[in-house]
Every structure is written in structure tokens, then in C-alpha cells.
Amino acid sequence: ACIWNIAWEAQKQGLMYASYVATGLAA
């Protein structure tokens, strides 16, 4: 859940690549 939240926060700051990577690792 922490990783998913980190991915969401990265997306809100416009860091799409970082957000996708975190999403994939959480998955």
C-alpha cells in the first residue's frame, strides 16, 4: 500500500516515469 501511495504522489508531481515504475514494482 505504501508503494502504491508513493506511485500516486509521484504522478501528482508530474513524475510519470517514476510513477509507472513504482506501480509496476507494487504489482
PDB file of all heavy atoms in Angstrom:
ATOM      1  N   ALA A   1       0.830  -1.208   0.000  1.00  0.00           N
ATOM      2  CA  ALA A   1       0.000   0.000   0.000  1.00  0.00           C
ATOM      3  C   ALA A   1       0.867   1.261   0.000  1.00  0.00           C
ATOM      4  O   ALA A   1       0.528   2.247  -0.674  1.00  0.00           O
ATOM      5  CB  ALA A   1      -0.919  -0.009   1.223  1.00  0.00           C
ATOM      6  N   CYS A   2       1.977   1.231   0.725  1.00  0.00           N
ATOM      7  CA  CYS A   2       2.897   2.378   0.732  1.00  0.00           C
ATOM      8  C   CYS A   2       3.459   2.638  -0.663  1.00  0.00           C
ATOM      9  O   CYS A   2       3.572   3.790  -1.094  1.00  0.00           O
ATOM     10  CB  CYS A   2       4.043   2.126   1.716  1.00  0.00           C
ATOM     11  SG  CYS A   2       3.597   2.311   3.452  1.00  0.00           S
ATOM     12  N   ILE A   3       3.812   1.575  -1.369  1.00  0.00           N
ATOM     13  CA  ILE A   3       4.369   1.738  -2.715  1.00  0.00           C
ATOM     14  C   ILE A   3       3.318   2.321  -3.656  1.00  0.00           C
ATOM     15  O   ILE A   3       3.604   3.198  -4.472  1.00  0.00           O
ATOM     16  CB  ILE A   3       4.911   0.402  -3.251  1.00  0.00           C
ATOM     17  CG1 ILE A   3       6.011  -0.136  -2.331  1.00  0.00           C
ATOM     18  CG2 ILE A   3       5.459   0.573  -4.665  1.00  0.00           C
ATOM     19  CD1 ILE A   3       6.559  -1.486  -2.738  1.00  0.00           C
ATOM     20  N   TRP A   4       2.067   1.828  -3.562  1.00  0.00           N
ATOM     21  CA  TRP A   4       1.001   2.386  -4.392  1.00  0.00           C
ATOM     22  C   TRP A   4       0.818   3.879  -4.100  1.00  0.00           C
ATOM     23  O   TRP A   4       0.620   4.680  -5.013  1.00  0.00           O
ATOM     24  CB  TRP A   4      -0.321   1.652  -4.120  1.00  0.00           C
ATOM     25  CG  TRP A   4      -0.458   0.353  -4.834  1.00  0.00           C
ATOM     26  CD1 TRP A   4      -0.420  -0.890  -4.274  1.00  0.00           C
ATOM     27  CD2 TRP A   4      -0.653   0.140  -6.236  1.00  0.00           C
ATOM     28  NE1 TRP A   4      -0.574  -1.857  -5.231  1.00  0.00           N
ATOM     29  CE2 TRP A   4      -0.729  -1.260  -6.455  1.00  0.00           C
ATOM     30  CE3 TRP A   4      -0.773   0.994  -7.330  1.00  0.00           C
ATOM     31  CZ2 TRP A   4      -0.912  -1.816  -7.705  1.00  0.00           C
ATOM     32  CZ3 TRP A   4      -0.965   0.434  -8.588  1.00  0.00           C
ATOM     33  CH2 TRP A   4      -1.031  -0.941  -8.770  1.00  0.00           C
ATOM     34  N   ASN A   5       0.868   4.251  -2.822  1.00  0.00           N
ATOM     35  CA  ASN A   5       0.707   5.661  -2.453  1.00  0.00           C
ATOM     36  C   ASN A   5       1.864   6.497  -2.981  1.00  0.00           C
ATOM     37  O   ASN A   5       1.665   7.639  -3.441  1.00  0.00           O
ATOM     38  CB  ASN A   5       0.623   5.775  -0.926  1.00  0.00           C
ATOM     39  CG  ASN A   5       0.339   7.200  -0.490  1.00  0.00           C
ATOM     40  OD1 ASN A   5      -0.689   7.787  -0.808  1.00  0.00           O
ATOM     41  ND2 ASN A   5       1.281   7.782   0.240  1.00  0.00           N
ATOM     42  N   ILE A   6       3.072   5.950  -2.934  1.00  0.00           N
ATOM     43  CA  ILE A   6       4.243   6.657  -3.468  1.00  0.00           C
ATOM     44  C   ILE A   6       4.088   6.861  -4.968  1.00  0.00           C
ATOM     45  O   ILE A   6       4.418   7.933  -5.507  1.00  0.00           O
ATOM     46  CB  ILE A   6       5.526   5.867  -3.131  1.00  0.00           C
ATOM     47  CG1 ILE A   6       5.816   5.967  -1.629  1.00  0.00           C
ATOM     48  CG2 ILE A   6       6.720   6.384  -3.943  1.00  0.00           C
ATOM     49  CD1 ILE A   6       6.866   4.988  -1.142  1.00  0.00           C
ATOM     50  N   ALA A   7       3.587   5.850  -5.670  1.00  0.00           N
ATOM     51  CA  ALA A   7       3.349   5.977  -7.114  1.00  0.00           C
ATOM     52  C   ALA A   7       2.340   7.087  -7.401  1.00  0.00           C
ATOM     53  O   ALA A   7       2.496   7.869  -8.344  1.00  0.00           O
ATOM     54  CB  ALA A   7       2.854   4.648  -7.682  1.00  0.00           C
ATOM     55  N   TRP A   8       1.287   7.153  -6.592  1.00  0.00           N
ATOM     56  CA  TRP A   8       0.261   8.183  -6.764  1.00  0.00           C
ATOM     57  C   TRP A   8       0.832   9.577  -6.519  1.00  0.00           C
ATOM     58  O   TRP A   8       0.552  10.531  -7.254  1.00  0.00           O
ATOM     59  CB  TRP A   8      -0.901   7.888  -5.823  1.00  0.00           C
ATOM     60  CG  TRP A   8      -1.950   8.965  -5.747  1.00  0.00           C
ATOM     61  CD1 TRP A   8      -2.290   9.694  -4.650  1.00  0.00           C
ATOM     62  CD2 TRP A   8      -2.793   9.422  -6.808  1.00  0.00           C
ATOM     63  NE1 TRP A   8      -3.295  10.577  -4.952  1.00  0.00           N
ATOM     64  CE2 TRP A   8      -3.618  10.439  -6.278  1.00  0.00           C
ATOM     65  CE3 TRP A   8      -2.919   9.076  -8.147  1.00  0.00           C
ATOM     66  CZ2 TRP A   8      -4.565  11.112  -7.040  1.00  0.00           C
ATOM     67  CZ3 TRP A   8      -3.862   9.754  -8.924  1.00  0.00           C
ATOM     68  CH2 TRP A   8      -4.667  10.750  -8.366  1.00  0.00           C
ATOM     69  N   GLU A   9       1.645   9.719  -5.468  1.00  0.00           N
ATOM     70  CA  GLU A   9       2.259  11.014  -5.169  1.00  0.00           C
ATOM     71  C   GLU A   9       3.203  11.446  -6.291  1.00  0.00           C
ATOM     72  O   GLU A   9       3.253  12.631  -6.650  1.00  0.00           O
ATOM     73  CB  GLU A   9       3.019  10.947  -3.840  1.00  0.00           C
ATOM     74  CG  GLU A   9       2.136  10.784  -2.614  1.00  0.00           C
ATOM     75  CD  GLU A   9       1.221  11.976  -2.390  1.00  0.00           C
ATOM     76  OE1 GLU A   9       1.621  13.101  -2.737  1.00  0.00           O
ATOM     77  OE2 GLU A   9       0.099  11.778  -1.884  1.00  0.00           O
ATOM     78  N   ALA A  10       3.955  10.496  -6.855  1.00  0.00           N
ATOM     79  CA  ALA A  10       4.859  10.817  -7.960  1.00  0.00           C
ATOM     80  C   ALA A  10       4.068  11.300  -9.169  1.00  0.00           C
ATOM     81  O   ALA A  10       4.480  12.251  -9.862  1.00  0.00           O
ATOM     82  CB  ALA A  10       5.702   9.595  -8.320  1.00  0.00           C
ATOM     83  N   GLN A  11       2.937  10.675  -9.435  1.00  0.00           N
ATOM     84  CA  GLN A  11       2.097  11.095 -10.558  1.00  0.00           C
ATOM     85  C   GLN A  11       1.575  12.514 -10.341  1.00  0.00           C
ATOM     86  O   GLN A  11       1.547  13.327 -11.275  1.00  0.00           O
ATOM     87  CB  GLN A  11       0.933  10.128 -10.727  1.00  0.00           C
ATOM     88  CG  GLN A  11       0.038  10.469 -11.919  1.00  0.00           C
ATOM     89  CD  GLN A  11      -1.123   9.507 -12.072  1.00  0.00           C
ATOM     90  OE1 GLN A  11      -1.297   8.620 -11.264  1.00  0.00           O
ATOM     91  NE2 GLN A  11      -1.911   9.692 -13.108  1.00  0.00           N
ATOM     92  N   LYS A  12       1.176  12.834  -9.119  1.00  0.00           N
ATOM     93  CA  LYS A  12       0.660  14.171  -8.829  1.00  0.00           C
ATOM     94  C   LYS A  12       1.721  15.245  -9.038  1.00  0.00           C
ATOM     95  O   LYS A  12       1.387  16.387  -9.353  1.00  0.00           O
ATOM     96  CB  LYS A  12       0.121  14.230  -7.399  1.00  0.00           C
ATOM     97  CG  LYS A  12      -1.167  13.447  -7.197  1.00  0.00           C
ATOM     98  CD  LYS A  12      -1.878  13.849  -5.920  1.00  0.00           C
ATOM     99  CE  LYS A  12      -1.095  13.473  -4.692  1.00  0.00           C
ATOM    100  NZ  LYS A  12      -1.861  13.748  -3.446  1.00  0.00           N
ATOM    101  N   GLN A  13       2.989  14.885  -8.879  1.00  0.00           N
ATOM    102  CA  GLN A  13       4.067  15.843  -9.083  1.00  0.00           C
ATOM    103  C   GLN A  13       4.589  15.826 -10.522  1.00  0.00           C
ATOM    104  O   GLN A  13       5.571  16.500 -10.834  1.00  0.00           O
ATOM    105  CB  GLN A  13       5.228  15.548  -8.116  1.00  0.00           C
ATOM    106  CG  GLN A  13       4.854  15.654  -6.650  1.00  0.00           C
ATOM    107  CD  GLN A  13       4.274  16.997  -6.270  1.00  0.00           C
ATOM    108  OE1 GLN A  13       4.698  18.035  -6.798  1.00  0.00           O
ATOM    109  NE2 GLN A  13       3.313  16.998  -5.348  1.00  0.00           N
ATOM    110  N   GLY A  14       3.946  15.056 -11.393  1.00  0.00           N
ATOM    111  CA  GLY A  14       4.329  15.023 -12.799  1.00  0.00           C
ATOM    112  C   GLY A  14       5.466  14.087 -13.141  1.00  0.00           C
ATOM    113  O   GLY A  14       5.975  14.122 -14.262  1.00  0.00           O
ATOM    114  N   LEU A  15       5.865  13.224 -12.195  1.00  0.00           N
ATOM    115  CA  LEU A  15       6.972  12.283 -12.432  1.00  0.00           C
ATOM    116  C   LEU A  15       6.381  10.964 -12.949  1.00  0.00           C
ATOM    117  O   LEU A  15       6.306   9.960 -12.230  1.00  0.00           O
ATOM    118  CB  LEU A  15       7.761  12.060 -11.143  1.00  0.00           C
ATOM    119  CG  LEU A  15       8.323  13.314 -10.475  1.00  0.00           C
ATOM    120  CD1 LEU A  15       9.056  12.960  -9.184  1.00  0.00           C
ATOM    121  CD2 LEU A  15       9.273  14.054 -11.422  1.00  0.00           C
ATOM    122  N   MET A  16       5.982  10.966 -14.211  1.00  0.00           N
ATOM    123  CA  MET A  16       5.228   9.834 -14.738  1.00  0.00           C
ATOM    124  C   MET A  16       6.071   8.564 -14.836  1.00  0.00           C
ATOM    125  O   MET A  16       5.593   7.467 -14.543  1.00  0.00           O
ATOM    126  CB  MET A  16       4.649  10.186 -16.108  1.00  0.00           C
ATOM    127  CG  MET A  16       3.620  11.312 -16.064  1.00  0.00           C
ATOM    128  SD  MET A  16       2.310  11.009 -14.830  1.00  0.00           S
ATOM    129  CE  MET A  16       1.596   9.488 -15.439  1.00  0.00           C
ATOM    130  N   TYR A  17       7.324   8.693 -15.257  1.00  0.00           N
ATOM    131  CA  TYR A  17       8.175   7.506 -15.371  1.00  0.00           C
ATOM    132  C   TYR A  17       8.359   6.856 -13.998  1.00  0.00           C
ATOM    133  O   TYR A  17       8.186   5.632 -13.845  1.00  0.00           O
ATOM    134  CB  TYR A  17       9.534   7.872 -15.954  1.00  0.00           C
ATOM    135  CG  TYR A  17      10.472   6.700 -16.097  1.00  0.00           C
ATOM    136  CD1 TYR A  17      10.310   5.763 -17.103  1.00  0.00           C
ATOM    137  CD2 TYR A  17      11.529   6.521 -15.202  1.00  0.00           C
ATOM    138  CE1 TYR A  17      11.165   4.681 -17.228  1.00  0.00           C
ATOM    139  CE2 TYR A  17      12.389   5.439 -15.319  1.00  0.00           C
ATOM    140  CZ  TYR A  17      12.205   4.525 -16.333  1.00  0.00           C
ATOM    141  OH  TYR A  17      13.061   3.449 -16.441  1.00  0.00           O
ATOM    142  N   ALA A  18       8.672   7.664 -13.001  1.00  0.00           N
ATOM    143  CA  ALA A  18       8.843   7.153 -11.643  1.00  0.00           C
ATOM    144  C   ALA A  18       7.549   6.534 -11.136  1.00  0.00           C
ATOM    145  O   ALA A  18       7.558   5.495 -10.464  1.00  0.00           O
ATOM    146  CB  ALA A  18       9.301   8.274 -10.712  1.00  0.00           C
ATOM    147  N   SER A  19       6.422   7.159 -11.463  1.00  0.00           N
ATOM    148  CA  SER A  19       5.135   6.643 -11.025  1.00  0.00           C
ATOM    149  C   SER A  19       4.841   5.281 -11.644  1.00  0.00           C
ATOM    150  O   SER A  19       4.393   4.359 -10.954  1.00  0.00           O
ATOM    151  CB  SER A  19       4.025   7.635 -11.404  1.00  0.00           C
ATOM    152  OG  SER A  19       2.750   7.122 -11.067  1.00  0.00           O
ATOM    153  N   TYR A  20       5.108   5.141 -12.944  1.00  0.00           N
ATOM    154  CA  TYR A  20       4.865   3.849 -13.605  1.00  0.00           C
ATOM    155  C   TYR A  20       5.770   2.763 -13.051  1.00  0.00           C
ATOM    156  O   TYR A  20       5.345   1.609 -12.869  1.00  0.00           O
ATOM    157  CB  TYR A  20       5.082   3.985 -15.111  1.00  0.00           C
ATOM    158  CG  TYR A  20       3.994   4.741 -15.828  1.00  0.00           C
ATOM    159  CD1 TYR A  20       4.312   5.684 -16.810  1.00  0.00           C
ATOM    160  CD2 TYR A  20       2.652   4.522 -15.549  1.00  0.00           C
ATOM    161  CE1 TYR A  20       3.318   6.392 -17.491  1.00  0.00           C
ATOM    162  CE2 TYR A  20       1.655   5.217 -16.217  1.00  0.00           C
ATOM    163  CZ  TYR A  20       1.992   6.154 -17.183  1.00  0.00           C
ATOM    164  OH  TYR A  20       1.012   6.838 -17.839  1.00  0.00           O
ATOM    165  N   VAL A  21       7.034   3.098 -12.792  1.00  0.00           N
ATOM    166  CA  VAL A  21       7.964   2.113 -12.235  1.00  0.00           C
ATOM    167  C   VAL A  21       7.481   1.646 -10.867  1.00  0.00           C
ATOM    168  O   VAL A  21       7.430   0.437 -10.585  1.00  0.00           O
ATOM    169  CB  VAL A  21       9.385   2.696 -12.133  1.00  0.00           C
ATOM    170  CG1 VAL A  21      10.277   1.774 -11.301  1.00  0.00           C
ATOM    171  CG2 VAL A  21       9.989   2.874 -13.521  1.00  0.00           C
ATOM    172  N   ALA A  22       7.109   2.587 -10.004  1.00  0.00           N
ATOM    173  CA  ALA A  22       6.623   2.223  -8.666  1.00  0.00           C
ATOM    174  C   ALA A  22       5.350   1.388  -8.762  1.00  0.00           C
ATOM    175  O   ALA A  22       5.172   0.418  -8.012  1.00  0.00           O
ATOM    176  CB  ALA A  22       6.378   3.485  -7.842  1.00  0.00           C
ATOM    177  N   THR A  23       4.468   1.751  -9.689  1.00  0.00           N
ATOM    178  CA  THR A  23       3.240   0.978  -9.890  1.00  0.00           C
ATOM    179  C   THR A  23       3.568  -0.456 -10.299  1.00  0.00           C
ATOM    180  O   THR A  23       2.988  -1.414  -9.770  1.00  0.00           O
ATOM    181  CB  THR A  23       2.371   1.634 -10.973  1.00  0.00           C
ATOM    182  OG1 THR A  23       1.975   2.933 -10.547  1.00  0.00           O
ATOM    183  CG2 THR A  23       1.132   0.797 -11.259  1.00  0.00           C
ATOM    184  N   GLY A  24       4.483  -0.612 -11.242  1.00  0.00           N
ATOM    185  CA  GLY A  24       4.862  -1.948 -11.699  1.00  0.00           C
ATOM    186  C   GLY A  24       5.496  -2.785 -10.602  1.00  0.00           C
ATOM    187  O   GLY A  24       5.202  -3.982 -10.468  1.00  0.00           O
ATOM    188  N   LEU A  25       6.358  -2.166  -9.794  1.00  0.00           N
ATOM    189  CA  LEU A  25       7.005  -2.902  -8.709  1.00  0.00           C
ATOM    190  C   LEU A  25       5.989  -3.297  -7.639  1.00  0.00           C
ATOM    191  O   LEU A  25       6.061  -4.399  -7.084  1.00  0.00           O
ATOM    192  CB  LEU A  25       8.123  -2.052  -8.102  1.00  0.00           C
ATOM    193  CG  LEU A  25       9.286  -1.716  -9.048  1.00  0.00           C
ATOM    194  CD1 LEU A  25      10.334  -0.881  -8.321  1.00  0.00           C
ATOM    195  CD2 LEU A  25       9.919  -2.976  -9.629  1.00  0.00           C
ATOM    196  N   ALA A  26       5.036  -2.403  -7.353  1.00  0.00           N
ATOM    197  CA  ALA A  26       3.972  -2.738  -6.404  1.00  0.00           C
ATOM    198  C   ALA A  26       3.153  -3.920  -6.921  1.00  0.00           C
ATOM    199  O   ALA A  26       2.775  -4.820  -6.154  1.00  0.00           O
ATOM    200  CB  ALA A  26       3.072  -1.530  -6.167  1.00  0.00           C
ATOM    201  N   ALA A  27       2.886  -3.917  -8.227  1.00  0.00           N
ATOM    202  CA  ALA A  27       2.124  -5.016  -8.827  1.00  0.00           C
ATOM    203  C   ALA A  27       2.898  -6.329  -8.751  1.00  0.00           C
ATOM    204  O   ALA A  27       2.322  -7.384  -8.451  1.00  0.00           O
ATOM    205  CB  ALA A  27       1.779  -4.685 -10.277  1.00  0.00           C
TER     206      ALA A  27
END
